[in-house]
Protein backbone atom coordinates (compact mmCIF):
# COMPACT_ATOMS: atom_id res chain seq x y z
CA MET A 1 0.00 0.00 0.00
CA SER A 2 1.31 3.40 -0.86
CA LEU A 3 2.07 6.04 1.69
CA LEU A 4 -1.02 8.02 0.65
CA GLY A 5 -3.21 4.99 1.21
CA LYS A 6 -1.73 4.46 4.66
CA LEU A 7 -2.32 8.11 5.52
CA LEU A 8 -5.92 7.90 4.31
CA LEU A 9 -6.44 4.74 6.36
CA VAL A 10 -5.09 6.40 9.49
CA PHE A 11 -7.22 9.46 8.80
CA ASN A 12 -10.34 7.33 8.37
CA LEU A 13 -9.62 5.46 11.57
CA LEU A 14 -9.16 8.72 13.44
CA ALA A 15 -12.37 10.12 11.92
CA ALA A 16 -14.27 6.96 12.86
CA GLY A 17 -12.95 7.22 16.43
CA GLY A 18 -14.04 10.84 16.54
CA PHE A 19 -17.49 9.91 15.30
CA VAL A 20 -17.73 7.13 17.93
CA TYR A 21 -16.65 9.55 20.65
CA LEU A 22 -19.14 12.18 19.53
CA ALA A 23 -21.90 9.56 19.28
CA THR A 24 -21.07 8.32 22.78
CA GLN A 25 -21.16 11.83 24.18
CA ASP A 26 -24.41 12.48 22.36
CA TRP A 27 -25.91 9.25 23.77
CA LYS A 28 -24.78 10.14 27.28
CA GLY A 29 -26.25 13.61 26.88
CA ARG A 30 -29.51 12.19 25.62
CA GLN A 31 -29.60 9.71 28.52
CA THR A 32 -28.94 12.51 31.00
CA ILE A 33 -31.59 14.72 29.44
CA ASN A 34 -33.99 11.78 29.21
CA ALA A 35 -33.40 10.87 32.89
CA ALA A 36 -33.98 14.47 33.94
CA GLY A 37 -37.16 14.53 31.87
CA VAL A 38 -38.34 11.26 33.37
CA ARG A 39 -37.66 12.51 36.90
CA HIS A 40 -39.52 15.72 36.07
CA LEU A 41 -42.53 13.76 34.81
CA LEU A 42 -42.37 11.46 37.84
CA VAL A 43 -42.58 14.50 40.11
CA LEU A 44 -45.54 15.89 38.18
CA GLN A 45 -47.44 12.72 37.19
CA GLY A 46 -46.20 10.16 39.67
CA LEU A 47 -45.50 6.51 38.95
CA PRO A 48 -47.34 4.57 36.24
CA LEU A 49 -50.80 3.59 37.41
CA ASP A 50 -50.69 -0.10 36.52
CA GLY A 51 -48.03 -2.67 35.82
CA PRO A 52 -46.31 -5.65 37.39
CA PRO A 53 -46.61 -5.92 41.19
CA ASN A 54 -42.82 -6.19 41.48
CA PHE A 55 -39.84 -5.04 39.47
CA PRO A 56 -39.06 -7.40 36.54
CA ALA A 57 -35.79 -9.31 36.46
CA ASP A 58 -34.21 -6.72 34.14
CA GLY A 59 -35.33 -3.91 36.47
CA GLU A 60 -37.24 -2.07 33.71
CA THR A 61 -40.84 -1.06 34.40
CA PRO A 62 -43.16 0.37 31.72
CA PHE A 63 -43.22 4.17 31.63
CA ARG A 64 -44.38 5.98 28.50
CA MET A 65 -43.18 9.50 27.68
CA ASP A 66 -41.93 11.50 24.71
CA GLY A 67 -38.19 12.01 24.95
CA PRO A 68 -35.85 14.52 23.32
CA GLY A 69 -36.21 14.77 19.59
CA GLY A 70 -39.60 13.06 19.72
CA ILE A 71 -38.05 9.71 20.65
CA PRO A 72 -40.41 8.02 23.12
CA THR A 73 -39.31 6.49 26.40
CA THR A 74 -41.16 3.26 27.14
CA THR A 75 -39.51 2.03 30.33
CA VAL A 76 -37.83 3.35 33.44
CA SER A 77 -35.10 1.52 35.34
CA LYS A 78 -35.25 0.39 38.94
CA LYS A 79 -32.00 2.27 39.54
CA LEU A 80 -33.65 5.55 38.55
CA LEU A 81 -36.70 4.83 40.73
CA ASP A 82 -34.43 3.94 43.66
CA SER A 83 -32.68 7.26 43.31
CA TYR A 84 -36.11 8.95 42.92
CA PHE A 85 -37.33 7.49 46.24
CA GLN A 86 -34.01 8.07 48.00
CA GLY A 87 -34.55 10.33 51.00
CA ILE A 88 -38.37 10.22 50.64
CA GLY A 89 -40.32 8.72 53.51
CA ALA A 90 -37.57 8.33 56.07
CA THR A 91 -38.06 5.51 58.56
CA SER A 92 -40.25 6.32 61.59
CA SER A 93 -40.12 5.09 65.18
CA ASP A 94 -43.86 4.41 65.07
CA PRO A 95 -44.35 0.61 64.76
CA ASN A 96 -47.65 1.23 62.94
CA THR A 97 -46.23 3.50 60.27
CA LEU A 98 -46.96 2.78 56.61
CA THR A 99 -43.88 4.62 55.40
CA VAL A 100 -40.94 2.77 53.82
CA GLY A 101 -37.93 3.99 51.90
CA THR A 102 -38.01 1.41 49.09
CA ALA A 103 -39.23 2.03 45.56
CA VAL A 104 -42.29 0.45 43.90
CA PRO A 105 -42.82 -0.01 40.15
CA ASN A 106 -46.29 1.57 39.97
CA GLN A 107 -49.10 3.09 41.99
CA LEU A 108 -51.20 -0.08 42.28
CA ALA A 109 -48.17 -1.93 43.59
CA GLU A 110 -47.96 0.69 46.36
CA VAL A 111 -51.67 0.21 47.13
CA ALA A 112 -51.19 -3.57 47.32
CA ARG A 113 -48.16 -3.13 49.60
CA VAL A 114 -50.05 -0.78 51.92
CA LYS A 115 -53.06 -3.09 52.02
CA ALA A 116 -50.85 -6.01 53.01
CA LYS A 117 -49.22 -3.83 55.71
CA VAL A 118 -52.62 -2.76 57.02
CA GLU A 119 -53.82 -6.35 57.22
CA GLU A 120 -50.60 -7.31 59.00
CA LEU A 121 -51.00 -4.57 61.61
CA LEU A 122 -54.66 -5.44 62.15
CA GLY A 123 -53.71 -9.08 62.63
CA LYS A 124 -51.22 -8.08 65.34
CA ALA A 125 -53.78 -5.96 67.25
CA GLU A 126 -54.21 -7.43 70.73
CA SER A 127 -57.82 -6.35 71.29
CA PRO A 128 -60.83 -4.94 69.40
CA ALA A 129 -60.18 -1.55 71.02
CA ALA A 130 -56.60 -1.50 69.68
CA LYS A 131 -57.87 -2.52 66.23
CA ILE A 132 -60.48 0.26 66.31
CA ALA A 133 -57.78 2.81 67.23
CA LEU A 134 -55.75 1.78 64.17
CA LEU A 135 -58.78 1.79 61.87
CA LYS A 136 -59.90 5.21 63.10
CA GLY A 137 -56.54 6.74 62.16
CA TRP A 138 -56.69 5.20 58.67
CA LEU A 139 -60.40 5.63 57.95
CA LEU A 140 -61.63 8.85 59.57
CA TYR A 141 -60.19 11.22 56.94
CA GLN A 142 -61.40 8.95 54.12
CA ALA A 143 -65.01 10.06 54.69
CA GLU A 144 -66.35 12.11 51.80
CA THR A 145 -69.77 12.95 53.26
CA PHE A 146 -70.93 14.21 56.63
CA PRO A 147 -73.18 11.19 57.37
CA GLU A 148 -70.31 8.82 56.56
CA ARG A 149 -68.03 10.71 58.95
CA VAL A 150 -70.68 10.58 61.68
CA GLU A 151 -71.02 6.82 61.16
CA ILE A 152 -67.26 6.31 61.45
CA LEU A 153 -67.09 8.42 64.62
CA ALA A 154 -69.96 6.40 66.10
CA LEU A 155 -68.24 3.11 65.23
CA THR A 156 -64.91 4.25 66.71
CA ALA A 157 -66.38 5.71 69.92
CA PRO A 158 -65.88 3.63 73.10
CA GLU A 159 -69.43 4.48 74.23
CA LYS A 160 -72.90 4.37 72.72
CA GLU A 161 -76.39 5.58 73.58
CA ASP A 162 -78.60 3.22 75.54
CA PRO A 163 -82.23 3.53 74.32
CA GLU A 164 -83.42 1.59 77.37
CA ASN A 165 -81.96 4.24 79.68
CA ASN A 166 -83.16 7.51 78.08
CA ASN A 167 -80.30 7.37 75.53
CA ALA A 168 -77.71 7.79 78.27
CA LEU A 169 -74.15 6.92 77.25
CA ARG A 170 -72.77 3.57 78.33
CA ALA A 171 -69.57 1.68 77.58
CA LYS A 172 -69.72 -0.73 74.66
CA THR A 173 -69.61 -4.42 75.43
CA PRO A 174 -66.72 -6.57 74.09
CA GLU A 175 -69.12 -8.10 71.55
CA GLU A 176 -70.14 -4.63 70.31
CA LEU A 177 -66.49 -3.53 70.04
CA THR A 178 -65.67 -6.65 68.02
CA LYS A 179 -68.61 -6.02 65.68
CA ASP A 180 -67.64 -2.36 65.19
CA ALA A 181 -64.02 -3.33 64.48
CA GLU A 182 -65.17 -5.80 61.83
CA GLU A 183 -67.40 -3.17 60.19
CA LEU A 184 -64.57 -0.58 60.13
CA GLN A 185 -62.13 -3.11 58.67
CA LYS A 186 -64.68 -4.06 56.03
CA ARG A 187 -65.11 -0.41 55.04
CA LEU A 188 -61.37 0.24 54.80
CA LEU A 189 -60.57 -2.90 52.79
CA ALA A 190 -63.49 -2.10 50.48
CA ARG A 191 -61.74 1.16 49.59
CA PHE A 192 -58.54 -0.72 48.79
CA ASP A 193 -60.42 -3.27 46.68
CA GLY A 194 -62.30 -0.50 44.88
CA VAL A 195 -58.95 0.95 43.72
CA ILE A 196 -57.22 -2.35 42.96
CA ALA A 197 -60.14 -3.74 40.93
CA ALA A 198 -60.32 -2.78 37.25
CA PRO A 199 -62.72 0.07 36.41
CA LYS A 200 -66.22 -0.89 35.34
CA PRO A 201 -69.15 1.23 34.13
CA LEU A 202 -71.80 2.21 36.64
CA ASP A 203 -74.75 -0.16 36.73
CA GLY A 204 -77.77 1.79 35.44
CA SER A 205 -80.14 -0.09 37.73
CA LEU A 206 -78.45 1.49 40.75
CA THR A 207 -79.21 5.03 39.57
CA THR A 208 -82.97 4.47 39.51
CA ALA A 209 -85.26 4.26 42.50
CA LEU A 210 -86.92 1.00 43.48
CA LYS A 211 -90.14 0.50 41.55
CA ASP A 212 -93.46 -0.46 43.07
CA GLU A 213 -93.44 -3.82 41.32
CA GLU A 214 -90.04 -4.59 42.84
CA LEU A 215 -91.31 -3.76 46.31
CA ALA A 216 -94.57 -5.61 45.63
CA ALA A 217 -92.63 -8.88 45.52
CA ALA A 218 -91.92 -8.46 49.24
CA ALA A 219 -94.74 -9.85 51.35
CA THR A 220 -93.87 -8.02 54.58
CA ASP A 221 -92.38 -4.69 55.61
CA GLU A 222 -89.32 -6.52 56.88
CA GLU A 223 -88.65 -7.98 53.42
CA LYS A 224 -89.13 -4.53 51.85
CA ALA A 225 -86.61 -3.10 54.31
CA LYS A 226 -84.16 -5.84 53.32
CA LEU A 227 -84.60 -4.92 49.63
CA VAL A 228 -83.90 -1.27 50.40
CA GLU A 229 -80.83 -2.17 52.48
CA ALA A 230 -79.53 -4.41 49.68
CA ARG A 231 -79.94 -1.58 47.15
CA LEU A 232 -78.15 0.86 49.47
CA ALA A 233 -75.31 -1.63 49.94
CA LYS A 234 -74.92 -1.94 46.15
CA VAL A 235 -74.97 1.84 45.78
CA GLN A 236 -72.27 2.14 48.46
CA GLU A 237 -70.21 -0.54 46.72
CA SER A 238 -70.57 1.23 43.39
CA ARG A 239 -69.40 4.48 45.00
CA LEU A 240 -66.16 2.80 46.03
CA ALA A 241 -65.54 1.15 42.64
CA SER A 242 -63.82 3.11 39.86
CA ILE A 243 -65.75 4.08 36.74
CA ASP A 244 -62.75 4.86 34.52
CA GLU A 245 -58.98 5.38 34.74
CA GLY A 246 -59.32 9.02 35.76
CA ASP A 247 -61.71 8.11 38.55
CA ARG A 248 -59.38 5.30 39.54
CA ARG A 249 -56.42 7.67 39.85
CA ARG A 250 -58.55 10.09 41.88
CA LYS A 251 -59.73 7.39 44.29
CA LEU A 252 -56.19 6.00 44.60
CA ALA A 253 -54.76 9.42 45.46
CA HIS A 254 -57.59 10.09 47.91
CA LEU A 255 -57.03 6.71 49.60
CA LEU A 256 -53.28 7.09 50.02
CA VAL A 257 -53.28 10.77 50.99
CA HIS A 258 -55.79 10.32 53.81
CA LEU A 259 -54.40 7.15 55.36
CA SER A 260 -52.04 9.04 57.65
CA PRO A 261 -51.12 12.69 58.34
CA GLU A 262 -47.49 11.68 59.01
CA SER A 263 -45.11 13.99 57.11
CA GLY A 264 -42.92 11.15 55.82
CA TRP A 265 -45.97 9.32 54.51
CA GLN A 266 -47.27 12.45 52.78
CA LYS A 267 -43.92 12.90 51.00
CA ARG A 268 -44.02 9.30 49.81
CA VAL A 269 -47.63 9.63 48.59
CA MET A 270 -46.65 12.78 46.70
CA ALA A 271 -43.83 10.86 45.03
CA VAL A 272 -46.12 7.94 44.15
CA VAL A 273 -49.14 9.81 42.75
CA GLY A 274 -47.38 12.96 41.55
CA ILE A 275 -47.75 16.55 42.65
CA ARG A 276 -50.67 17.21 40.32
CA ASN A 277 -52.80 14.34 41.60
CA TYR A 278 -51.69 15.03 45.17
CA VAL A 279 -52.78 18.68 44.95
CA LYS A 280 -56.07 17.67 43.33
CA ALA A 281 -56.73 15.20 46.15
CA ILE A 282 -55.99 17.86 48.78
CA GLN A 283 -58.18 20.42 47.02
CA THR A 284 -61.04 17.93 46.66
CA SER A 285 -60.72 16.97 50.29
CA SER A 286 -60.72 20.64 51.30
CA ARG A 287 -63.93 21.23 49.34
CA LEU A 288 -65.54 18.15 50.91
CA LEU A 289 -64.54 19.33 54.38
CA GLN A 290 -65.96 22.77 53.59
CA VAL A 291 -69.25 21.15 52.57
CA MET A 292 -69.21 19.10 55.79
CA ALA A 293 -68.52 22.27 57.79
CA ILE A 294 -71.46 24.02 56.09
CA GLN A 295 -73.72 21.04 56.77
CA LEU A 296 -72.58 20.99 60.38
CA GLU A 297 -73.33 24.71 60.70
CA GLN A 298 -76.78 24.09 59.21
CA TYR A 299 -77.39 21.25 61.64
CA LEU A 300 -76.23 23.44 64.52
CA HIS A 301 -78.41 26.33 63.36
CA SER A 302 -81.42 24.04 63.00
CA ASP A 303 -80.77 22.47 66.37
CA GLN A 304 -80.30 25.89 67.95
CA GLN A 305 -83.53 27.16 66.37
CA ALA A 306 -85.37 24.09 67.62
CA TYR A 307 -83.86 24.72 71.04
CA PHE A 308 -85.05 28.35 71.05
CA ASP A 309 -88.49 27.24 69.85
CA GLN A 310 -88.54 24.74 72.65
CA ILE A 311 -87.55 27.44 75.14
CA ASN A 312 -89.77 30.28 73.89
CA GLY A 313 -92.69 28.11 72.84
CA GLN A 314 -94.71 28.07 69.67
CA PRO A 315 -97.83 30.12 68.91
CA GLY A 316 -101.15 28.40 69.44
CA THR A 317 -104.09 28.08 71.78
CA SER A 318 -103.00 24.80 73.29
CA ASP A 319 -101.82 24.89 76.89
CA THR A 320 -99.31 22.08 76.45
CA ALA A 321 -95.67 22.45 77.50
CA GLU A 322 -94.59 22.53 73.82
CA ARG A 323 -96.88 25.50 73.10
CA ARG A 324 -96.00 27.38 76.27
CA GLY A 325 -92.32 26.78 75.80
CA LEU A 326 -89.74 25.66 78.30
CA ARG A 327 -89.21 29.21 79.52
CA GLN A 328 -92.89 29.85 80.35
CA ASP A 329 -93.21 26.32 81.66
CA ALA A 330 -90.14 26.89 83.82
CA GLU A 331 -91.55 30.21 85.08
CA ASP A 332 -94.88 28.54 85.92
CA LYS A 333 -93.11 25.73 87.69
CA THR A 334 -90.86 28.23 89.47
CA SER A 335 -93.91 30.20 90.69
CA GLU A 336 -95.55 26.99 91.81
CA ALA A 337 -92.32 25.94 93.52
CA ASN A 338 -92.14 29.36 95.24
CA ARG A 339 -95.73 28.98 96.45
CA GLN A 340 -94.99 25.51 97.69
CA ALA A 341 -91.83 26.81 99.38
CA ALA A 342 -93.83 29.60 101.07
CA LEU A 343 -96.41 27.10 102.28
CA ARG A 344 -93.64 24.84 103.43
CA ARG A 345 -92.00 27.67 105.39
CA LYS A 346 -95.39 28.58 106.90
CA TRP A 347 -96.06 25.04 108.04
CA GLU A 348 -92.47 24.64 109.17
CA ASP A 349 -92.90 27.76 111.32
CA GLN A 350 -96.20 26.39 112.62
CA PHE A 351 -94.50 23.08 113.25
CA GLY A 352 -91.78 24.90 115.20
CA ARG A 353 -94.33 26.73 117.32
CA ASP A 354 -96.29 23.53 117.89
CA THR A 355 -93.07 21.76 118.77
CA ASP A 356 -92.22 24.46 121.32
CA LEU A 357 -95.75 24.26 122.73
CA VAL A 358 -95.55 20.47 122.95
CA ALA A 359 -92.17 20.79 124.69
CA GLN A 360 -93.70 23.32 127.09
CA ARG A 361 -96.63 21.01 127.75
CA LYS A 362 -94.25 18.11 128.28
CA THR A 363 -92.34 20.20 130.82
CA GLN A 364 -95.59 21.09 132.60
CA LEU A 365 -96.66 17.45 132.50
CA THR A 366 -93.32 16.45 133.98
CA ASP A 367 -93.77 19.01 136.76
CA LEU A 368 -97.31 17.79 137.43
CA GLN A 369 -96.12 14.20 137.42
CA ASN A 370 -93.41 15.12 139.90
CA GLN A 371 -95.95 16.93 142.08
CA LEU A 372 -98.33 13.98 141.80
CA THR A 373 -95.57 11.61 142.81
CA LYS A 374 -94.73 13.84 145.77
CA VAL A 375 -98.39 14.09 146.83
CA LYS A 376 -98.83 10.36 146.36
CA THR A 377 -95.83 9.75 148.59
CA GLN A 378 -97.26 12.12 151.20
CA VAL A 379 -100.69 10.46 150.92
CA ASP A 380 -99.13 7.02 151.29
CA THR A 381 -97.33 8.25 154.40
CA MET A 382 -100.49 9.77 155.82
CA LEU A 383 -102.47 6.64 154.97
CA SER A 384 -99.88 4.60 156.81
CA GLN A 385 -100.18 6.94 159.80
CA GLN A 386 -103.97 6.83 159.52
CA THR A 387 -103.90 3.03 159.56
CA THR A 388 -101.82 3.13 162.73
CA ILE A 389 -104.18 5.65 164.33
CA GLU A 390 -107.21 3.66 163.26
CA ALA A 391 -105.72 0.53 164.83
CA TRP A 392 -105.05 2.46 168.03
CA LEU A 393 -108.57 3.94 167.96
CA PHE A 394 -109.95 0.46 167.39
CA GLU A 395 -108.15 -0.70 170.53
CA VAL A 396 -109.45 2.32 172.39
CA GLN A 397 -112.96 1.70 171.14
CA ARG A 398 -112.68 -1.94 172.13
CA GLU A 399 -111.54 -0.97 175.59
CA VAL A 400 -114.33 1.64 175.75
CA ALA A 401 -116.81 -0.98 174.65
CA ILE A 402 -115.59 -3.34 177.36
CA THR A 403 -115.71 -0.53 179.87
CA LEU A 404 -119.22 0.39 178.72
CA ASP A 405 -120.27 -3.24 179.09
CA GLU A 406 -118.92 -3.19 182.62
CA VAL A 407 -120.64 0.16 183.23
CA TYR A 408 -123.87 -1.15 181.83
CA GLN A 409 -123.53 -4.20 184.06
CA PHE A 410 -122.86 -2.04 187.10
CA GLU A 411 -125.82 0.16 186.16
CA LYS A 412 -127.99 -2.92 185.87
CA GLU A 413 -126.84 -4.21 189.20
CA LEU A 414 -127.31 -0.78 190.70
CA ALA A 415 -130.78 -0.55 189.31
CA GLU A 416 -131.54 -3.98 190.65
CA ARG A 417 -130.41 -2.98 194.12
CA GLU A 418 -132.28 0.23 194.00
CA ARG A 419 -135.36 -1.69 193.07
CA LYS A 420 -134.79 -4.06 195.89
CA LEU A 421 -134.23 -1.25 198.26
CA ALA A 422 -137.29 0.47 197.05
CA GLY A 423 -139.32 -2.71 197.47
CA GLY A 424 -138.72 -3.21 201.13
CA GLY A 425 -135.22 -3.45 201.72
CA LYS A 426 -135.09 -6.91 200.63
């Protein structure tokens, strides 16, 4: 080969090396730009909605986006997702935390992981009360309507109204706590299943009211009530199920965002669902809470108005307590109570005077009894003396009688002598 040919060969080899170097630098630049774009889209849109539950063996998970120059990106590596989740959701000292620092390939995989964690924590709960405490923290903020929130608060409360005791509060029995825990767990897992299940169109039969012919099939009111409860259960189930992919993303973001207010968990949810969906979920929740607050104000206003009506009474000719009002009824009862109190004071005063008079009479009776006892003692003494005197008088009388007998005998003898003397001295 001539010298020129050798020079051309060397030149071509150098040019080829330059082209390879430039192509490598261009590829690295494109990869860097593409990775930055993917990370940017991950921050905005979050992870892919669906996909394999775990990372494939090659570590590539489907992720569709348009790259630089219109070249689409179809997958994202596990390495990039690991770096994306690095520093998000730091470990917590709370044993019941849902936060982890590992990456997941898609949003549904995160939902499945959290569901498994929730079931694990519920299985470790030592008592129905502990299970209810866990479920309350996960389920209370999930409520989207005021009645649903009231139901959850009633199920998580340790006490309930007792209709047999004028609706006074009493502690729930262990059987009631177990039943409430099962109902709360059922509601929470239904929300997970509604997100995990594939979207399906809304059943048109659920949007129409029960017809008369449907209720006519029920022979008793109890059967009709069961039909209504079954329809309400289906409506509630349909509310939890997703209608389309957009509704599925909304429900998924709502579920994850409101499971825990922990800051680490909120950062992880933001990374999973994306800032846009996260902000939408927060805004929707804020609007729902505003509606609940308005409903609560309306309930309070209505209750307050009913309270004032009950106090001030309602117009009408009836003399019932409801017409008079609690205020007038209270005033009437107060006047009656005052009259009764005045009468009571009057009779109490009379009772005091009578008590003093009785005490005075008792004192006088005691004095008279003492005097009577003294007189009786004196009389007994005098009677004893009288008995002695009478005995002495009796002796005197007896002696007098004897003396009189002797006198009478002497008189008789004297008379006899006188008669003899008078008759002749014989």
